[in-house]
PDB file of N, CA and C in Angstrom:
ATOM      1  N   MET A   1       0.854  -1.173   0.000  1.00  0.00           N
ATOM      2  CA  MET A   1       0.000   0.000   0.000  1.00  0.00           C
ATOM      3  C   MET A   1       0.895   1.229   0.000  1.00  0.00           C
ATOM      4  N   ASN A   2       0.408   2.252  -0.579  1.00  0.00           N
ATOM      5  CA  ASN A   2       1.174   3.478  -0.726  1.00  0.00           C
ATOM      6  C   ASN A   2       1.516   4.088   0.633  1.00  0.00           C
ATOM      7  N   VAL A   3       2.758   4.501   0.784  1.00  0.00           N
ATOM      8  CA  VAL A   3       3.215   5.106   2.038  1.00  0.00           C
ATOM      9  C   VAL A   3       2.434   6.375   2.350  1.00  0.00           C
ATOM     10  N   GLN A   4       2.053   7.120   1.308  1.00  0.00           N
ATOM     11  CA  GLN A   4       1.270   8.342   1.530  1.00  0.00           C
ATOM     12  C   GLN A   4      -0.041   8.021   2.238  1.00  0.00           C
ATOM     13  N   VAL A   5      -0.657   6.899   1.882  1.00  0.00           N
ATOM     14  CA  VAL A   5      -1.915   6.504   2.515  1.00  0.00           C
ATOM     15  C   VAL A   5      -1.698   6.309   4.001  1.00  0.00           C
ATOM     16  N   TRP A   6      -0.636   5.589   4.366  1.00  0.00           N
ATOM     17  CA  TRP A   6      -0.371   5.337   5.787  1.00  0.00           C
ATOM     18  C   TRP A   6      -0.068   6.625   6.535  1.00  0.00           C
ATOM     19  N   LYS A   7       0.622   7.561   5.888  1.00  0.00           N
ATOM     20  CA  LYS A   7       0.915   8.841   6.539  1.00  0.00           C
ATOM     21  C   LYS A   7      -0.363   9.621   6.820  1.00  0.00           C
ATOM     22  N   ILE A   8      -1.294   9.611   5.862  1.00  0.00           N
ATOM     23  CA  ILE A   8      -2.571  10.306   6.054  1.00  0.00           C
ATOM     24  C   ILE A   8      -3.329   9.679   7.214  1.00  0.00           C
ATOM     25  N   VAL A   9      -3.433   8.361   7.196  1.00  0.00           N
ATOM     26  CA  VAL A   9      -4.169   7.657   8.248  1.00  0.00           C
ATOM     27  C   VAL A   9      -3.499   7.895   9.604  1.00  0.00           C
ATOM     28  N   ALA A  10      -2.182   7.785   9.653  1.00  0.00           N
ATOM     29  CA  ALA A  10      -1.462   7.970  10.921  1.00  0.00           C
ATOM     30  C   ALA A  10      -1.660   9.379  11.458  1.00  0.00           C
ATOM     31  N   THR A  11      -1.621  10.371  10.573  1.00  0.00           N
ATOM     32  CA  THR A  11      -1.802  11.754  11.003  1.00  0.00           C
ATOM     33  C   THR A  11      -3.185  11.963  11.595  1.00  0.00           C
ATOM     34  N   LYS A  12      -4.198  11.423  10.928  1.00  0.00           N
ATOM     35  CA  LYS A  12      -5.569  11.594  11.422  1.00  0.00           C
ATOM     36  C   LYS A  12      -5.767  10.863  12.749  1.00  0.00           C
ATOM     37  N   TRP A  13      -5.225   9.658  12.872  1.00  0.00           N
ATOM     38  CA  TRP A  13      -5.446   8.868  14.082  1.00  0.00           C
ATOM     39  C   TRP A  13      -4.590   9.331  15.247  1.00  0.00           C
ATOM     40  N   ARG A  14      -3.478  10.011  14.969  1.00  0.00           N
ATOM     41  CA  ARG A  14      -2.637  10.519  16.050  1.00  0.00           C
ATOM     42  C   ARG A  14      -3.442  11.469  16.932  1.00  0.00           C
ATOM     43  N   THR A  15      -4.339  12.211  16.314  1.00  0.00           N
ATOM     44  CA  THR A  15      -5.220  13.112  17.057  1.00  0.00           C
ATOM     45  C   THR A  15      -6.030  12.332  18.088  1.00  0.00           C
ATOM     46  N   LEU A  16      -6.485  11.156  17.708  1.00  0.00           N
ATOM     47  CA  LEU A  16      -7.305  10.343  18.605  1.00  0.00           C
ATOM     48  C   LEU A  16      -6.497   9.785  19.777  1.00  0.00           C
ATOM     49  N   GLU A  17      -5.220   9.512  19.547  1.00  0.00           N
ATOM     50  CA  GLU A  17      -4.387   8.959  20.607  1.00  0.00           C
ATOM     51  C   GLU A  17      -4.128   9.980  21.711  1.00  0.00           C
ATOM     52  N   GLU A  18      -4.168  11.243  21.357  1.00  0.00           N
ATOM     53  CA  GLU A  18      -3.848  12.297  22.324  1.00  0.00           C
ATOM     54  C   GLU A  18      -4.981  12.548  23.317  1.00  0.00           C
ATOM     55  N   THR A  19      -6.202  12.262  22.918  1.00  0.00           N
ATOM     56  CA  THR A  19      -7.348  12.470  23.801  1.00  0.00           C
ATOM     57  C   THR A  19      -8.373  11.365  23.575  1.00  0.00           C
ATOM     58  N   VAL A  20      -9.187  11.136  24.551  1.00  0.00           N
ATOM     59  CA  VAL A  20     -10.281  10.186  24.395  1.00  0.00           C
ATOM     60  C   VAL A  20     -11.395  10.922  23.656  1.00  0.00           C
ATOM     61  N   GLN A  21     -11.849  10.326  22.561  1.00  0.00           N
ATOM     62  CA  GLN A  21     -12.845  10.972  21.728  1.00  0.00           C
ATOM     63  C   GLN A  21     -14.126  10.146  21.656  1.00  0.00           C
ATOM     64  N   PRO A  22     -15.276  10.793  21.556  1.00  0.00           N
ATOM     65  CA  PRO A  22     -16.518  10.056  21.351  1.00  0.00           C
ATOM     66  C   PRO A  22     -16.502   9.378  19.975  1.00  0.00           C
ATOM     67  N   LEU A  23     -17.298   8.347  19.826  1.00  0.00           N
ATOM     68  CA  LEU A  23     -17.335   7.591  18.578  1.00  0.00           C
ATOM     69  C   LEU A  23     -17.627   8.478  17.377  1.00  0.00           C
ATOM     70  N   SER A  24     -18.468   9.478  17.527  1.00  0.00           N
ATOM     71  CA  SER A  24     -18.793  10.358  16.402  1.00  0.00           C
ATOM     72  C   SER A  24     -17.541  11.073  15.884  1.00  0.00           C
ATOM     73  N   ILE A  25     -16.642  11.436  16.782  1.00  0.00           N
ATOM     74  CA  ILE A  25     -15.386  12.089  16.383  1.00  0.00           C
ATOM     75  C   ILE A  25     -14.491  11.081  15.659  1.00  0.00           C
ATOM     76  N   VAL A  26     -14.439   9.850  16.142  1.00  0.00           N
ATOM     77  CA  VAL A  26     -13.648   8.798  15.490  1.00  0.00           C
ATOM     78  C   VAL A  26     -14.149   8.598  14.068  1.00  0.00           C
ATOM     79  N   GLU A  27     -15.459   8.524  13.915  1.00  0.00           N
ATOM     80  CA  GLU A  27     -16.039   8.353  12.584  1.00  0.00           C
ATOM     81  C   GLU A  27     -15.710   9.540  11.691  1.00  0.00           C
ATOM     82  N   GLU A  28     -15.812  10.731  12.227  1.00  0.00           N
ATOM     83  CA  GLU A  28     -15.531  11.939  11.445  1.00  0.00           C
ATOM     84  C   GLU A  28     -14.075  11.955  10.966  1.00  0.00           C
ATOM     85  N   ILE A  29     -13.150  11.620  11.843  1.00  0.00           N
ATOM     86  CA  ILE A  29     -11.731  11.613  11.474  1.00  0.00           C
ATOM     87  C   ILE A  29     -11.453  10.526  10.437  1.00  0.00           C
ATOM     88  N   THR A  30     -12.083   9.365  10.592  1.00  0.00           N
ATOM     89  CA  THR A  30     -11.906   8.286   9.623  1.00  0.00           C
ATOM     90  C   THR A  30     -12.426   8.720   8.255  1.00  0.00           C
ATOM     91  N   ILE A  31     -13.582   9.351   8.225  1.00  0.00           N
ATOM     92  CA  ILE A  31     -14.155   9.833   6.961  1.00  0.00           C
ATOM     93  C   ILE A  31     -13.240  10.872   6.327  1.00  0.00           C
ATOM     94  N   LYS A  32     -12.680  11.769   7.138  1.00  0.00           N
ATOM     95  CA  LYS A  32     -11.751  12.778   6.615  1.00  0.00           C
ATOM     96  C   LYS A  32     -10.510  12.117   6.019  1.00  0.00           C
ATOM     97  N   ALA A  33      -9.998  11.090   6.678  1.00  0.00           N
ATOM     98  CA  ALA A  33      -8.808  10.396   6.169  1.00  0.00           C
ATOM     99  C   ALA A  33      -9.111   9.738   4.827  1.00  0.00           C
ATOM    100  N   VAL A  34     -10.246   9.066   4.731  1.00  0.00           N
ATOM    101  CA  VAL A  34     -10.622   8.408   3.472  1.00  0.00           C
ATOM    102  C   VAL A  34     -10.826   9.451   2.376  1.00  0.00           C
ATOM    103  N   LYS A  35     -11.453  10.575   2.711  1.00  0.00           N
ATOM    104  CA  LYS A  35     -11.664  11.635   1.722  1.00  0.00           C
ATOM    105  C   LYS A  35     -10.330  12.184   1.230  1.00  0.00           C
ATOM    106  N   GLU A  36      -9.387  12.404   2.140  1.00  0.00           N
ATOM    107  CA  GLU A  36      -8.074  12.920   1.736  1.00  0.00           C
ATOM    108  C   GLU A  36      -7.350  11.909   0.849  1.00  0.00           C
ATOM    109  N   ILE A  37      -7.443  10.636   1.196  1.00  0.00           N
ATOM    110  CA  ILE A  37      -6.829   9.583   0.377  1.00  0.00           C
ATOM    111  C   ILE A  37      -7.460   9.579  -1.011  1.00  0.00           C
ATOM    112  N   LYS A  38      -8.782   9.682  -1.058  1.00  0.00           N
ATOM    113  CA  LYS A  38      -9.496   9.706  -2.342  1.00  0.00           C
ATOM    114  C   LYS A  38      -9.110  10.948  -3.141  1.00  0.00           C
ATOM    115  N   ASP A  39      -9.090  12.109  -2.492  1.00  0.00           N
ATOM    116  CA  ASP A  39      -8.760  13.363  -3.172  1.00  0.00           C
ATOM    117  C   ASP A  39      -7.358  13.342  -3.768  1.00  0.00           C
ATOM    118  N   LYS A  40      -6.462  12.626  -3.135  1.00  0.00           N
ATOM    119  CA  LYS A  40      -5.083  12.548  -3.636  1.00  0.00           C
ATOM    120  C   LYS A  40      -4.914  11.445  -4.673  1.00  0.00           C
ATOM    121  N   GLY A  41      -6.008  10.780  -5.038  1.00  0.00           N
ATOM    122  CA  GLY A  41      -5.960   9.748  -6.068  1.00  0.00           C
ATOM    123  C   GLY A  41      -5.327   8.452  -5.592  1.00  0.00           C
ATOM    124  N   LEU A  42      -5.318   8.234  -4.295  1.00  0.00           N
ATOM    125  CA  LEU A  42      -4.649   7.059  -3.752  1.00  0.00           C
ATOM    126  C   LEU A  42      -5.628   5.947  -3.395  1.00  0.00           C
ATOM    127  N   LEU A  43      -6.929   6.235  -3.441  1.00  0.00           N
ATOM    128  CA  LEU A  43      -7.910   5.264  -2.975  1.00  0.00           C
ATOM    129  C   LEU A  43      -7.935   4.008  -3.839  1.00  0.00           C
ATOM    130  N   GLN A  44      -7.965   4.166  -5.177  1.00  0.00           N
ATOM    131  CA  GLN A  44      -8.077   2.997  -6.037  1.00  0.00           C
ATOM    132  C   GLN A  44      -6.864   2.083  -5.909  1.00  0.00           C
ATOM    133  N   SER A  45      -5.662   2.656  -5.850  1.00  0.00           N
ATOM    134  CA  SER A  45      -4.475   1.812  -5.710  1.00  0.00           C
ATOM    135  C   SER A  45      -4.492   1.078  -4.372  1.00  0.00           C
ATOM    136  N   SER A  46      -5.023   1.731  -3.348  1.00  0.00           N
ATOM    137  CA  SER A  46      -5.113   1.089  -2.045  1.00  0.00           C
ATOM    138  C   SER A  46      -6.112  -0.055  -2.070  1.00  0.00           C
ATOM    139  N   LEU A  47      -7.256   0.169  -2.713  1.00  0.00           N
ATOM    140  CA  LEU A  47      -8.261  -0.888  -2.827  1.00  0.00           C
ATOM    141  C   LEU A  47      -7.732  -2.047  -3.661  1.00  0.00           C
ATOM    142  N   ASP A  48      -7.035  -1.733  -4.758  1.00  0.00           N
ATOM    143  CA  ASP A  48      -6.453  -2.783  -5.594  1.00  0.00           C
ATOM    144  C   ASP A  48      -5.469  -3.625  -4.794  1.00  0.00           C
ATOM    145  N   TYR A  49      -4.670  -2.953  -3.963  1.00  0.00           N
ATOM    146  CA  TYR A  49      -3.707  -3.664  -3.120  1.00  0.00           C
ATOM    147  C   TYR A  49      -4.427  -4.604  -2.163  1.00  0.00           C
ATOM    148  N   LEU A  50      -5.462  -4.102  -1.512  1.00  0.00           N
ATOM    149  CA  LEU A  50      -6.193  -4.932  -0.551  1.00  0.00           C
ATOM    150  C   LEU A  50      -6.851  -6.124  -1.232  1.00  0.00           C
ATOM    151  N   LYS A  51      -7.370  -5.912  -2.433  1.00  0.00           N
ATOM    152  CA  LYS A  51      -8.006  -7.007  -3.176  1.00  0.00           C
ATOM    153  C   LYS A  51      -6.991  -8.044  -3.626  1.00  0.00           C
ATOM    154  N   SER A  52      -5.762  -7.609  -3.914  1.00  0.00           N
ATOM    155  CA  SER A  52      -4.742  -8.525  -4.426  1.00  0.00           C
ATOM    156  C   SER A  52      -4.248  -9.491  -3.351  1.00  0.00           C
ATOM    157  N   GLY A  53      -4.352  -9.073  -2.087  1.00  0.00           N
ATOM    158  CA  GLY A  53      -3.882  -9.907  -0.992  1.00  0.00           C
ATOM    159  C   GLY A  53      -2.365  -9.942  -0.900  1.00  0.00           C
ATOM    160  N   SER A  54      -1.691  -9.090  -1.669  1.00  0.00           N
ATOM    161  CA  SER A  54      -0.232  -9.051  -1.665  1.00  0.00           C
ATOM    162  C   SER A  54       0.274  -8.430  -0.371  1.00  0.00           C
ATOM    163  N   SER A  55       1.374  -8.963   0.119  1.00  0.00           N
ATOM    164  CA  SER A  55       1.970  -8.381   1.319  1.00  0.00           C
ATOM    165  C   SER A  55       3.447  -8.092   1.111  1.00  0.00           C
ATOM    166  N   GLU A  56       3.892  -8.129  -0.142  1.00  0.00           N
ATOM    167  CA  GLU A  56       5.305  -7.902  -0.421  1.00  0.00           C
ATOM    168  C   GLU A  56       5.540  -6.471  -0.864  1.00  0.00           C
ATOM    169  N   LEU A  57       6.715  -5.943  -0.524  1.00  0.00           N
ATOM    170  CA  LEU A  57       7.102  -4.613  -0.957  1.00  0.00           C
ATOM    171  C   LEU A  57       7.605  -4.677  -2.398  1.00  0.00           C
ATOM    172  N   ASP A  58       7.429  -3.600  -3.158  1.00  0.00           N
ATOM    173  CA  ASP A  58       7.991  -3.562  -4.493  1.00  0.00           C
ATOM    174  C   ASP A  58       9.452  -3.098  -4.418  1.00  0.00           C
ATOM    175  N   ASN A  59      10.075  -2.867  -5.560  1.00  0.00           N
ATOM    176  CA  ASN A  59      11.512  -2.580  -5.617  1.00  0.00           C
ATOM    177  C   ASN A  59      11.946  -1.338  -4.855  1.00  0.00           C
ATOM    178  N   ASP A  60      11.089  -0.333  -4.766  1.00  0.00           N
ATOM    179  CA  ASP A  60      11.512   0.890  -4.089  1.00  0.00           C
ATOM    180  C   ASP A  60      11.143   0.909  -2.603  1.00  0.00           C
ATOM    181  N   GLY A  61      10.722  -0.234  -2.078  1.00  0.00           N
ATOM    182  CA  GLY A  61      10.412  -0.327  -0.663  1.00  0.00           C
ATOM    183  C   GLY A  61       9.019   0.149  -0.318  1.00  0.00           C
ATOM    184  N   ASP A  62       8.261   0.514  -1.343  1.00  0.00           N
ATOM    185  CA  ASP A  62       6.891   0.970  -1.142  1.00  0.00           C
ATOM    186  C   ASP A  62       5.955  -0.208  -1.366  1.00  0.00           C
ATOM    187  N   TRP A  63       4.749  -0.097  -0.864  1.00  0.00           N
ATOM    188  CA  TRP A  63       3.765  -1.142  -1.137  1.00  0.00           C
ATOM    189  C   TRP A  63       3.334  -1.016  -2.594  1.00  0.00           C
ATOM    190  N   PRO A  64       3.110  -2.131  -3.249  1.00  0.00           N
ATOM    191  CA  PRO A  64       2.698  -2.082  -4.671  1.00  0.00           C
ATOM    192  C   PRO A  64       1.405  -1.322  -4.869  1.00  0.00           C
TER     193      PRO A  64
END
């Protein structure tokens, strides 16, 4: 999976680790992360990766 995707997700979830949040806030942050991933054109490659079941890194150390 693309490293950019993990950075987006990690950034959004780091906010949750700092404070206890109600479920509605967790959902909102998750939706924002998915929207940012989609807006950056990374969603389809991420879905393709998940569907492929691959767990190996490609040549540049990134997820395929």
